[in-house]
Amino acid sequence: MINIIPAIDIIDGKCVRLSQGDYGQKKVYNENPLDVARAFEDCGCTRLHLVDLDGARSHHIVNYRVLEAIAGHTGLTVDFGGGLKSDDDLRIAFESGAAMVTGGSIAVAHPDVFMAWLSKYGADRIILGADSRGGYIATQGWLNDSDKSVVPFIQHYQEQGVTKVISTDIACDGMLQGPSVDLYKEILLKVAGIHLIASGGVGDMSHIEALDAIGVPEVIVGKAIYENHITLHDLLAFNKIRQ
């Protein structure tokens, strides 16, 4: 059964959401991300996807204190992304409590650095970020597009030892109109054995059921929770069924 991973995106230390990665469409949902994380844990969630949006735009880790607070005051297993561009960024993320980190832009711009991280920390701790727009990988907090097609990009890194990938169709993100099921079907078909974490577009529980039906093992959910399309009670009930 699919696992729901709630998301917290951080700007200026606050819990926010963007639409389609547009920093101009920012909405602040909570001033205290730790309170939000604790609420997710109380609903039976065990994982958290934490994104440093300031870091993604600044090209270095920024909101590591938020990571430190959540990792230190909850039992959630946190995967952290956004602005991880150097060995020092990675060191700070892990020292601040991240169990896993996600590298997307770095895997495009500096594959040698990404591969060094994979070799040093292992595939269990390094997740490939494969966020795409129009079928091509986007980088730098989704501000820039690359010339790399999403499926071959994932295939290449699976051949290099990657076992986990987070894939977001940016056109769907924050729109609540449904995830990119066709894209995920293609990934699961063409990149056999990859642990796919879907992200973007989930608007209600039926969308999660659709992903479960095609074999997606995990899904990241953000705005649908914050806008109460999926309530904390829904999360609690779902996690009870999974146990």
Protein backbone atom coordinates (compact mmCIF):
# COMPACT_ATOMS: atom_id res chain seq x y z
CA MET A 1 0.00 0.00 0.00
CA ILE A 2 1.29 3.44 -0.94
CA ASN A 3 2.90 5.61 1.74
CA ILE A 4 1.94 9.28 2.11
CA ILE A 5 4.87 11.60 2.80
CA PRO A 6 3.71 15.07 3.90
CA ALA A 7 5.76 18.02 2.64
CA ILE A 8 6.93 21.19 4.31
CA ASP A 9 8.43 23.90 2.10
CA ILE A 10 10.38 26.64 3.84
CA ILE A 11 10.89 30.31 2.99
CA ASP A 12 12.16 32.70 5.70
CA GLY A 13 11.77 29.91 8.25
CA LYS A 14 8.02 29.65 7.57
CA CYS A 15 5.88 26.88 6.10
CA VAL A 16 4.77 27.95 2.61
CA ARG A 17 3.51 26.54 -0.67
CA LEU A 18 4.12 27.69 -4.22
CA SER A 19 2.09 26.99 -7.34
CA GLN A 20 4.03 25.41 -10.24
CA GLY A 21 7.26 26.44 -8.53
CA ASP A 22 6.50 30.16 -8.92
CA TYR A 23 8.05 32.14 -6.06
CA GLY A 24 5.64 34.94 -6.91
CA GLN A 25 2.72 32.67 -5.96
CA LYS A 26 3.74 32.09 -2.36
CA LYS A 27 1.26 31.42 0.42
CA VAL A 28 2.33 31.21 4.07
CA TYR A 29 0.46 28.50 5.97
CA ASN A 30 2.23 28.44 9.31
CA GLU A 31 4.90 30.48 11.07
CA ASN A 32 6.21 27.42 12.92
CA PRO A 33 7.17 24.39 10.78
CA LEU A 34 7.89 22.33 13.89
CA ASP A 35 4.24 22.56 14.93
CA VAL A 36 3.24 21.36 11.46
CA ALA A 37 5.69 18.45 11.62
CA ARG A 38 4.41 17.41 15.03
CA ALA A 39 0.84 17.42 13.72
CA PHE A 40 1.90 15.08 10.90
CA GLU A 41 3.61 12.77 13.36
CA ASP A 42 0.50 12.74 15.55
CA CYS A 43 -1.42 11.49 12.49
CA GLY A 44 0.83 8.45 12.22
CA CYS A 45 3.17 9.76 9.51
CA THR A 46 6.73 8.51 9.79
CA ARG A 47 8.34 10.40 6.90
CA LEU A 48 8.66 14.08 6.03
CA HIS A 49 9.78 15.80 2.84
CA LEU A 50 11.41 19.11 3.82
CA VAL A 51 12.41 21.59 1.11
CA ASP A 52 14.58 24.66 1.63
CA LEU A 53 13.16 26.98 -1.03
CA ASP A 54 15.47 29.79 0.04
CA GLY A 55 18.34 27.38 -0.45
CA ALA A 56 17.14 26.30 -3.88
CA ARG A 57 17.19 29.92 -5.01
CA SER A 58 20.42 30.84 -3.21
CA HIS A 59 22.45 27.80 -4.35
CA HIS A 60 23.43 26.82 -0.81
CA ILE A 61 21.67 25.49 2.27
CA VAL A 62 19.81 28.21 4.22
CA ASN A 63 17.08 26.83 6.50
CA TYR A 64 19.08 24.11 8.25
CA ARG A 65 17.88 25.36 11.66
CA VAL A 66 14.34 24.33 10.72
CA LEU A 67 15.65 20.88 9.77
CA GLU A 68 17.53 20.71 13.07
CA ALA A 69 14.41 21.60 15.08
CA ILE A 70 12.18 19.06 13.33
CA ALA A 71 14.74 16.24 13.40
CA GLY A 72 15.55 16.95 17.02
CA HIS A 73 11.99 17.24 18.34
CA THR A 74 10.07 14.63 16.32
CA GLY A 75 10.66 11.02 15.38
CA LEU A 76 10.05 11.72 11.69
CA THR A 77 12.49 10.42 9.10
CA VAL A 78 13.31 13.56 7.14
CA ASP A 79 14.47 13.77 3.56
CA PHE A 80 15.84 17.22 2.85
CA GLY A 81 16.36 19.10 -0.40
CA GLY A 82 16.95 22.57 -1.76
CA GLY A 83 20.28 24.34 -2.23
CA LEU A 84 22.52 21.34 -1.72
CA LYS A 85 25.42 22.22 -3.99
CA SER A 86 28.59 21.41 -2.06
CA ASP A 87 30.09 18.82 0.25
CA ASP A 88 29.72 21.36 3.06
CA ASP A 89 25.99 21.75 2.34
CA LEU A 90 25.59 17.99 2.59
CA ARG A 91 27.58 17.84 5.82
CA ILE A 92 25.37 20.53 7.36
CA ALA A 93 22.19 18.74 6.24
CA PHE A 94 23.23 15.41 7.75
CA GLU A 95 24.61 17.00 10.92
CA SER A 96 21.29 18.86 11.28
CA GLY A 97 19.39 15.58 11.27
CA ALA A 98 18.47 14.71 7.69
CA ALA A 99 18.19 10.96 7.17
CA MET A 100 18.27 11.43 3.39
CA VAL A 101 18.95 14.27 0.99
CA THR A 102 17.64 14.94 -2.49
CA GLY A 103 19.93 16.14 -5.25
CA GLY A 104 18.39 17.39 -8.47
CA SER A 105 20.14 20.44 -9.91
CA ILE A 106 23.52 19.12 -8.79
CA ALA A 107 22.93 15.87 -10.69
CA VAL A 108 22.43 17.92 -13.86
CA ALA A 109 25.12 20.57 -13.49
CA HIS A 110 27.78 18.61 -11.61
CA PRO A 111 27.20 14.87 -12.00
CA ASP A 112 30.68 14.13 -10.68
CA VAL A 113 29.79 15.77 -7.35
CA PHE A 114 26.47 13.91 -7.18
CA MET A 115 28.20 10.61 -7.90
CA ALA A 116 30.78 11.31 -5.19
CA TRP A 117 27.93 11.83 -2.71
CA LEU A 118 26.30 8.59 -3.84
CA SER A 119 29.57 6.73 -3.38
CA LYS A 120 30.28 8.26 0.04
CA TYR A 121 26.84 8.07 1.65
CA GLY A 122 25.14 5.26 -0.28
CA ALA A 123 21.93 4.93 -2.26
CA ASP A 124 19.80 4.72 0.89
CA ARG A 125 20.70 8.31 1.82
CA ILE A 126 20.98 10.02 -1.58
CA ILE A 127 17.72 10.49 -3.52
CA LEU A 128 17.75 11.65 -7.12
CA GLY A 129 15.52 14.64 -7.78
CA ALA A 130 13.95 14.41 -11.24
CA ASP A 131 11.58 17.37 -11.50
CA SER A 132 10.38 18.07 -15.00
CA ARG A 133 8.53 20.59 -17.11
CA GLY A 134 7.27 19.51 -20.51
CA GLY A 135 9.23 16.28 -20.21
CA TYR A 136 12.58 17.94 -19.47
CA ILE A 137 14.43 18.22 -16.17
CA ALA A 138 14.17 21.63 -14.48
CA THR A 139 16.82 22.97 -12.09
CA GLN A 140 17.63 25.79 -9.64
CA GLY A 141 14.36 25.69 -7.76
CA TRP A 142 12.56 25.07 -11.09
CA LEU A 143 13.71 28.44 -12.40
CA ASN A 144 15.73 26.92 -15.26
CA ASP A 145 15.08 24.16 -17.79
CA SER A 146 17.68 21.68 -18.99
CA ASP A 147 17.92 19.66 -22.21
CA LYS A 148 17.67 16.35 -20.38
CA SER A 149 14.56 14.20 -20.87
CA VAL A 150 13.20 12.91 -17.59
CA VAL A 151 13.08 9.15 -18.23
CA PRO A 152 16.58 8.79 -19.76
CA PHE A 153 17.87 11.01 -16.93
CA ILE A 154 16.51 8.58 -14.33
CA GLN A 155 17.67 5.55 -16.32
CA HIS A 156 21.21 6.92 -16.46
CA TYR A 157 21.44 7.43 -12.73
CA GLN A 158 19.86 4.07 -11.95
CA GLU A 159 22.69 2.52 -13.96
CA GLN A 160 25.09 4.48 -11.73
CA GLY A 161 23.57 3.04 -8.56
CA VAL A 162 20.64 5.32 -7.67
CA THR A 163 17.71 3.39 -6.17
CA LYS A 164 15.33 6.20 -5.14
CA VAL A 165 13.94 9.09 -7.18
CA ILE A 166 11.51 11.90 -6.44
CA SER A 167 9.73 12.95 -9.63
CA THR A 168 7.56 16.05 -9.88
CA ASP A 169 5.70 17.20 -12.98
CA ILE A 170 5.97 20.95 -12.35
CA ALA A 171 2.86 21.72 -14.42
CA CYS A 172 0.83 19.75 -11.88
CA ASP A 173 2.48 21.01 -8.72
CA GLY A 174 0.23 22.99 -6.41
CA MET A 175 -2.70 22.84 -8.82
CA LEU A 176 -4.64 20.08 -6.98
CA GLN A 177 -5.93 18.73 -10.31
CA GLY A 178 -4.29 15.33 -10.12
CA PRO A 179 -0.79 13.88 -10.45
CA SER A 180 0.95 13.00 -13.69
CA VAL A 181 -0.15 9.37 -13.72
CA ASP A 182 1.01 8.76 -17.31
CA LEU A 183 4.51 10.01 -16.51
CA TYR A 184 4.74 7.71 -13.50
CA LYS A 185 3.46 4.74 -15.50
CA GLU A 186 6.23 5.41 -18.02
CA ILE A 187 8.90 5.65 -15.33
CA LEU A 188 7.78 2.45 -13.63
CA LEU A 189 7.70 0.65 -16.99
CA LYS A 190 11.02 1.88 -18.37
CA VAL A 191 13.06 2.13 -15.16
CA ALA A 192 12.23 -1.21 -13.58
CA GLY A 193 13.14 -1.58 -9.94
CA ILE A 194 13.43 2.13 -9.15
CA HIS A 195 11.80 3.29 -5.91
CA LEU A 196 9.58 6.06 -7.26
CA ILE A 197 8.35 8.85 -5.01
CA ALA A 198 5.65 10.78 -6.86
CA SER A 199 5.14 14.46 -6.16
CA GLY A 200 2.85 17.21 -7.40
CA GLY A 201 -0.80 17.56 -8.26
CA VAL A 202 -2.46 15.48 -5.55
CA GLY A 203 -5.78 17.13 -4.70
CA ASP A 204 -7.68 14.47 -2.78
CA MET A 205 -7.52 10.87 -1.63
CA SER A 206 -8.74 9.55 -4.98
CA HIS A 207 -5.55 10.81 -6.60
CA ILE A 208 -3.51 8.85 -4.07
CA GLU A 209 -5.59 5.76 -4.81
CA ALA A 210 -4.86 6.21 -8.53
CA LEU A 211 -1.12 6.25 -7.85
CA ASP A 212 -1.43 3.22 -5.60
CA ALA A 213 -3.27 1.38 -8.37
CA ILE A 214 -0.33 1.74 -10.80
CA GLY A 215 2.22 0.64 -8.21
CA VAL A 216 3.75 3.90 -7.01
CA PRO A 217 5.18 3.08 -3.55
CA GLU A 218 5.27 6.60 -2.07
CA VAL A 219 3.74 10.00 -2.74
CA ILE A 220 4.58 13.45 -1.41
CA VAL A 221 1.54 15.56 -0.52
CA GLY A 222 1.61 19.23 0.40
CA LYS A 223 -0.96 21.77 -0.68
CA ALA A 224 -3.88 19.32 -0.54
CA ILE A 225 -3.25 18.98 3.18
CA TYR A 226 -2.79 22.68 3.82
CA GLU A 227 -5.98 23.51 1.92
CA ASN A 228 -7.89 20.73 3.78
CA HIS A 229 -8.63 18.72 0.64
CA ILE A 230 -6.92 15.95 2.60
CA THR A 231 -7.48 16.49 6.30
CA LEU A 232 -5.34 15.42 9.23
CA HIS A 233 -8.16 13.01 10.08
CA ASP A 234 -7.83 11.52 6.59
CA LEU A 235 -4.11 11.03 7.19
CA LEU A 236 -4.73 9.41 10.55
CA ALA A 237 -7.33 7.02 9.11
CA PHE A 238 -5.12 6.15 6.15
CA ASN A 239 -2.08 5.46 8.32
CA LYS A 240 -4.11 3.25 10.64
CA ILE A 241 -5.10 1.12 7.64
CA ARG A 242 -1.46 0.87 6.55
CA GLN A 243 -0.24 -0.34 9.95
